Amino acid sequence: METQTVNNDIKSFGLINANTLRLIACILMLMDHAWATVIPGSDWLTYAGRMAFPIFAFQIAEGFFHTSDFKKYARRLFIFALISEIPFNLMYASSVIYPFHQNVMFTLLLGLLAIKSLDSIRIDCSGRSLRSWNSSQVKAFILGIIKAALCVLAAGIGFTDYGMTGVLTIILFYLCRGFRLAPLAQLAGMVYINCFAIMGRTLPLAIGSLSFDFPTQGFAVLSLLLIWMYNGKKGRSSKALQYGFYAFYPVHMLILAMIVAAI
C-alpha cells in the first residue's frame, strides 16, 4: 500500500499523459526511420530516434497493469506484428521476405508475455517470505522465471528488433513500477542495456584531453526524461485513436519504402 502511494505521488508531478507520450514516441521513431531511408546523413535524427523504443517499452509495462483484457491486448500486438512484417521488410531490406530481422511489434509482444510470466510469481508467491514458500509457490517461481527467460531467448533467436535487450527493457520497467527508487533503478538499467549490452555505431567525443567513443544507442537513456514526466493518465480515449497509434507503425514504414523505391 505504501509503495502505491509513493508511485502516485511521483505521477502527480507529471505533465504528459499516455497519448502524448505515445505521440512523441511515434515522432521520434519516424525521425529514426527517415534517417535510415530517405534522409541519410542527418545523424541527429537517429540520435533522437534512439529514445523511441524505451518509451514504447515503458508503455507496454504500463499497459499490462491497466488493461482489462490481457488476451485481447496480446492478440492485438500479434495481429499488428503480422501486419507490420511486410512493410518492415520493405523498409529495412527492400524485400517482401526477410527472415533475418523481425519488426518491433514481435519484441513488444514477447516483452508483454515475459512480464505476464513474472507477474504470475507476484500473484502466487505474495504475502509470504521466501522461507515460508510451499512447493507450489516454489514451482510457480521457477516456472515464471523459465517462461520469462524463454521470451527473452525467443527475441534473440527470432531476430526481433532490439532482440533480447528489447524484452529486457520491458522487464526493467515492469520491475521498477511502484519501486521507491525506481528512477535510479531505471537509470542504471538503461545505461547498462544501451551503453554496454547493445553494440552498434559510436560517436567520437572529446572532453579536454580525454577522447572516447560514445555509443549512439546511449541516447536512448534520455527517454527517461520524458518517461519521468508521465502523469499516469491515459488522456482522450477512443478506438480510432488507439488503433491509429498501432496503424502508424506499418503505414509509415510502407510510405518510406515507397519513397525509397521511387527515388
Protein backbone atom coordinates (compact mmCIF):
# COMPACT_ATOMS: atom_id res chain seq x y z
CA MET A 1 0.00 0.00 0.00
CA GLU A 2 2.84 2.36 0.85
CA THR A 3 4.61 1.68 -2.44
CA GLN A 4 1.49 2.54 -4.43
CA THR A 5 1.18 5.85 -2.55
CA VAL A 6 4.74 6.77 -3.43
CA ASN A 7 4.10 5.86 -7.07
CA ASN A 8 1.02 8.06 -7.22
CA ASP A 9 2.85 10.96 -5.58
CA ILE A 10 5.54 10.80 -8.25
CA LYS A 11 2.96 10.68 -11.04
CA SER A 12 1.14 13.68 -9.61
CA PHE A 13 4.02 15.86 -10.79
CA GLY A 14 3.81 14.53 -14.35
CA LEU A 15 2.93 16.71 -17.31
CA ILE A 16 2.48 14.10 -20.05
CA ASN A 17 -0.37 11.61 -20.40
CA ALA A 18 -0.11 8.26 -22.18
CA ASN A 19 -1.42 9.54 -25.51
CA THR A 20 1.02 12.43 -25.61
CA LEU A 21 3.91 10.17 -24.65
CA ARG A 22 2.92 7.71 -27.39
CA LEU A 23 2.68 10.53 -29.95
CA ILE A 24 6.17 11.73 -29.04
CA ALA A 25 7.48 8.18 -29.41
CA CYS A 26 5.87 7.87 -32.86
CA ILE A 27 7.51 11.13 -33.99
CA LEU A 28 10.89 10.00 -32.67
CA MET A 29 10.51 6.65 -34.42
CA LEU A 30 9.63 8.39 -37.69
CA MET A 31 12.76 10.54 -37.37
CA ASP A 32 14.92 7.45 -36.88
CA HIS A 33 13.36 5.59 -39.81
CA ALA A 34 13.59 8.68 -42.03
CA TRP A 35 17.30 8.85 -41.29
CA ALA A 36 17.67 5.18 -42.21
CA THR A 37 15.82 5.58 -45.52
CA VAL A 38 15.12 8.95 -47.11
CA ILE A 39 17.30 11.42 -45.15
CA PRO A 40 20.66 9.68 -44.70
CA GLY A 41 23.48 11.70 -43.23
CA SER A 42 21.37 13.70 -40.78
CA ASP A 43 22.64 11.75 -37.80
CA TRP A 44 20.81 13.90 -35.27
CA LEU A 45 17.61 12.21 -36.44
CA THR A 46 18.78 8.78 -35.30
CA TYR A 47 20.24 10.18 -32.09
CA ALA A 48 16.78 11.49 -31.22
CA GLY A 49 15.16 8.34 -32.61
CA ARG A 50 17.01 6.17 -30.11
CA MET A 51 14.56 7.43 -27.48
CA ALA A 52 11.51 5.90 -29.18
CA PHE A 53 11.83 2.24 -28.21
CA PRO A 54 12.26 2.73 -24.44
CA ILE A 55 9.08 4.82 -24.41
CA PHE A 56 7.16 2.05 -26.20
CA ALA A 57 8.70 -0.49 -23.81
CA PHE A 58 7.60 1.59 -20.82
CA GLN A 59 4.08 1.81 -22.19
CA ILE A 60 3.90 -1.97 -22.63
CA ALA A 61 4.67 -2.33 -18.92
CA GLU A 62 2.10 0.34 -18.05
CA GLY A 63 -0.46 -1.14 -20.43
CA PHE A 64 -0.07 -4.52 -18.76
CA PHE A 65 -1.24 -3.09 -15.44
CA HIS A 66 -4.05 -1.04 -16.95
CA THR A 67 -5.55 -3.50 -19.45
CA SER A 68 -8.80 -5.18 -18.54
CA ASP A 69 -8.25 -8.00 -21.05
CA PHE A 70 -4.70 -9.33 -21.30
CA LYS A 71 -5.51 -11.82 -24.06
CA LYS A 72 -7.06 -9.10 -26.20
CA TYR A 73 -4.04 -6.86 -25.61
CA ALA A 74 -1.61 -9.62 -26.60
CA ARG A 75 -3.73 -10.60 -29.60
CA ARG A 76 -3.79 -7.01 -30.84
CA LEU A 77 0.02 -6.82 -30.66
CA PHE A 78 0.33 -10.13 -32.51
CA ILE A 79 -2.05 -9.06 -35.29
CA PHE A 80 -0.22 -5.79 -35.85
CA ALA A 81 3.10 -7.63 -35.73
CA LEU A 82 1.90 -9.76 -38.65
CA ILE A 83 0.50 -6.73 -40.49
CA SER A 84 3.76 -4.83 -39.99
CA GLU A 85 6.13 -7.53 -41.18
CA ILE A 86 5.95 -6.86 -44.93
CA PRO A 87 6.18 -3.04 -44.55
CA PHE A 88 9.13 -3.60 -42.19
CA ASN A 89 10.86 -5.91 -44.66
CA LEU A 90 10.30 -3.45 -47.50
CA MET A 91 11.70 -0.56 -45.48
CA TYR A 92 14.55 -2.47 -43.87
CA ALA A 93 15.69 -4.75 -46.71
CA SER A 94 13.70 -3.67 -49.81
CA SER A 95 12.27 -7.17 -49.91
CA VAL A 96 8.87 -8.66 -49.15
CA ILE A 97 10.52 -11.56 -47.34
CA TYR A 98 13.47 -11.03 -45.00
CA PRO A 99 13.79 -13.72 -42.29
CA PHE A 100 16.84 -12.24 -40.57
CA HIS A 101 15.17 -9.33 -38.77
CA GLN A 102 11.60 -9.11 -37.48
CA ASN A 103 9.65 -5.96 -36.65
CA VAL A 104 9.50 -4.44 -33.18
CA MET A 105 5.88 -5.45 -32.56
CA PHE A 106 7.12 -9.02 -32.01
CA THR A 107 9.58 -7.67 -29.43
CA LEU A 108 6.82 -5.80 -27.63
CA LEU A 109 4.63 -8.91 -27.66
CA LEU A 110 7.39 -11.10 -26.22
CA GLY A 111 8.04 -8.45 -23.58
CA LEU A 112 4.37 -8.44 -22.64
CA LEU A 113 4.37 -12.25 -22.33
CA ALA A 114 7.55 -12.09 -20.24
CA ILE A 115 6.13 -9.69 -17.68
CA LYS A 116 2.91 -11.71 -17.58
CA SER A 117 5.02 -14.70 -16.56
CA LEU A 118 6.85 -12.69 -13.92
CA ASP A 119 3.61 -11.25 -12.62
CA SER A 120 2.31 -14.76 -12.01
CA ILE A 121 5.11 -15.07 -9.45
CA ARG A 122 3.91 -11.92 -7.71
CA ILE A 123 0.37 -13.28 -7.56
CA ASP A 124 1.21 -16.84 -6.50
CA CYS A 125 4.01 -16.00 -4.06
CA SER A 126 2.91 -12.71 -2.50
CA GLY A 127 2.23 -12.35 1.21
CA ARG A 128 4.86 -14.85 2.29
CA SER A 129 8.57 -14.71 2.92
CA LEU A 130 10.86 -16.84 0.80
CA ARG A 131 11.46 -19.30 3.65
CA SER A 132 7.76 -19.99 4.09
CA TRP A 133 7.04 -20.84 0.44
CA ASN A 134 5.38 -24.18 -0.11
CA SER A 135 6.16 -26.50 -3.01
CA SER A 136 3.51 -24.98 -5.29
CA GLN A 137 4.93 -21.49 -4.75
CA VAL A 138 8.47 -22.66 -5.46
CA LYS A 139 7.18 -24.32 -8.62
CA ALA A 140 5.33 -21.13 -9.63
CA PHE A 141 8.51 -19.10 -9.11
CA ILE A 142 10.69 -21.42 -11.17
CA LEU A 143 8.07 -21.73 -13.93
CA GLY A 144 7.60 -17.95 -14.10
CA ILE A 145 11.34 -17.34 -14.42
CA ILE A 146 11.69 -20.03 -17.10
CA LYS A 147 8.80 -18.64 -19.15
CA ALA A 148 10.19 -15.10 -18.97
CA ALA A 149 13.67 -16.35 -19.92
CA LEU A 150 12.21 -18.19 -22.91
CA CYS A 151 10.59 -14.96 -24.09
CA VAL A 152 13.96 -13.21 -23.88
CA LEU A 153 15.63 -16.10 -25.73
CA ALA A 154 12.89 -16.15 -28.40
CA ALA A 155 13.55 -12.49 -29.18
CA GLY A 156 17.22 -13.28 -29.76
CA ILE A 157 16.66 -16.43 -31.79
CA GLY A 158 13.87 -14.81 -33.78
CA PHE A 159 15.97 -11.74 -34.68
CA THR A 160 13.28 -9.34 -33.48
CA ASP A 161 14.10 -5.64 -33.48
CA TYR A 162 16.19 -4.85 -30.36
CA GLY A 163 16.19 -8.59 -29.66
CA MET A 164 16.83 -9.79 -26.12
CA THR A 165 17.74 -6.32 -24.89
CA GLY A 166 14.33 -5.08 -26.05
CA VAL A 167 12.48 -7.64 -23.93
CA LEU A 168 14.81 -6.92 -21.01
CA THR A 169 13.96 -3.22 -21.28
CA ILE A 170 10.27 -4.03 -20.89
CA ILE A 171 11.06 -6.27 -17.93
CA LEU A 172 13.10 -3.44 -16.39
CA PHE A 173 10.15 -1.04 -16.48
CA TYR A 174 7.85 -3.73 -15.10
CA LEU A 175 10.15 -4.47 -12.17
CA CYS A 176 10.64 -0.78 -11.38
CA ARG A 177 6.94 0.08 -11.34
CA GLY A 178 5.95 1.26 -7.87
CA PHE A 179 9.52 0.86 -6.57
CA ARG A 180 10.58 3.68 -4.24
CA LEU A 181 13.93 4.14 -6.01
CA ALA A 182 12.52 3.50 -9.48
CA PRO A 183 14.26 6.45 -11.21
CA LEU A 184 17.70 5.29 -10.03
CA ALA A 185 16.99 1.68 -10.94
CA GLN A 186 15.66 2.69 -14.36
CA LEU A 187 18.69 4.90 -14.97
CA ALA A 188 21.14 2.16 -14.00
CA GLY A 189 19.32 -0.45 -16.11
CA MET A 190 19.00 1.81 -19.13
CA VAL A 191 22.68 2.80 -19.01
CA TYR A 192 23.75 -0.83 -18.85
CA ILE A 193 21.41 -2.02 -21.61
CA ASN A 194 22.01 0.84 -24.03
CA CYS A 195 25.64 1.74 -23.39
CA PHE A 196 27.12 -1.71 -22.76
CA ALA A 197 24.76 -4.54 -23.79
CA ILE A 198 23.83 -3.17 -27.23
CA MET A 199 26.69 -3.00 -29.70
CA GLY A 200 26.41 -0.57 -32.58
CA ARG A 201 27.53 2.75 -34.02
CA THR A 202 29.65 5.06 -31.90
CA LEU A 203 30.19 8.80 -31.83
CA PRO A 204 33.78 10.06 -31.23
CA LEU A 205 33.77 12.57 -28.38
CA ALA A 206 36.48 14.56 -26.66
CA ILE A 207 36.38 16.22 -23.26
CA GLY A 208 39.61 18.13 -22.75
CA SER A 209 42.44 15.66 -23.28
CA LEU A 210 40.12 12.69 -22.84
CA SER A 211 38.71 11.15 -26.02
CA PHE A 212 36.33 8.22 -26.23
CA ASP A 213 33.69 6.61 -28.43
CA PHE A 214 30.16 7.17 -27.15
CA PRO A 215 27.64 4.51 -28.28
CA THR A 216 24.88 6.29 -30.19
CA GLN A 217 22.39 3.86 -28.64
CA GLY A 218 23.21 5.62 -25.39
CA PHE A 219 20.97 8.50 -26.44
CA ALA A 220 18.10 6.14 -25.56
CA VAL A 221 18.78 6.89 -21.89
CA LEU A 222 17.46 10.41 -22.46
CA SER A 223 13.99 8.89 -22.95
CA LEU A 224 13.79 8.65 -19.17
CA LEU A 225 13.37 12.42 -19.02
CA LEU A 226 10.11 12.03 -20.94
CA ILE A 227 9.04 8.88 -19.11
CA TRP A 228 9.50 10.57 -15.75
CA MET A 229 7.11 13.29 -16.90
CA TYR A 230 4.32 10.75 -17.36
CA ASN A 231 1.36 11.54 -15.10
CA GLY A 232 -0.26 8.09 -15.08
CA LYS A 233 -3.29 9.26 -17.05
CA LYS A 234 -4.40 7.86 -20.39
CA GLY A 235 -5.75 11.01 -22.00
CA ARG A 236 -8.53 11.03 -24.56
CA SER A 237 -9.94 7.55 -25.09
CA SER A 238 -11.27 6.35 -28.44
CA LYS A 239 -10.92 3.27 -30.62
CA ALA A 240 -9.88 5.41 -33.58
CA LEU A 241 -7.03 6.95 -31.61
CA GLN A 242 -5.98 3.63 -30.13
CA TYR A 243 -5.84 1.80 -33.44
CA GLY A 244 -4.40 4.88 -35.13
CA PHE A 245 -1.27 4.60 -32.99
CA TYR A 246 -0.96 0.91 -33.84
CA ALA A 247 -1.53 1.54 -37.56
CA PHE A 248 1.06 4.32 -37.65
CA TYR A 249 3.84 1.74 -37.39
CA PRO A 250 3.17 -0.29 -40.58
CA VAL A 251 1.76 2.68 -42.51
CA HIS A 252 4.73 5.00 -42.05
CA MET A 253 7.18 2.19 -42.93
CA LEU A 254 5.24 1.40 -46.09
CA ILE A 255 5.26 5.06 -47.13
CA LEU A 256 9.01 5.37 -46.51
CA ALA A 257 9.64 2.19 -48.52
CA MET A 258 7.57 3.56 -51.40
CA ILE A 259 9.50 6.85 -51.34
CA VAL A 260 12.82 4.99 -51.43
CA ALA A 261 11.60 2.87 -54.34
CA ALA A 262 10.52 5.97 -56.24
CA ILE A 263 13.79 7.90 -55.95
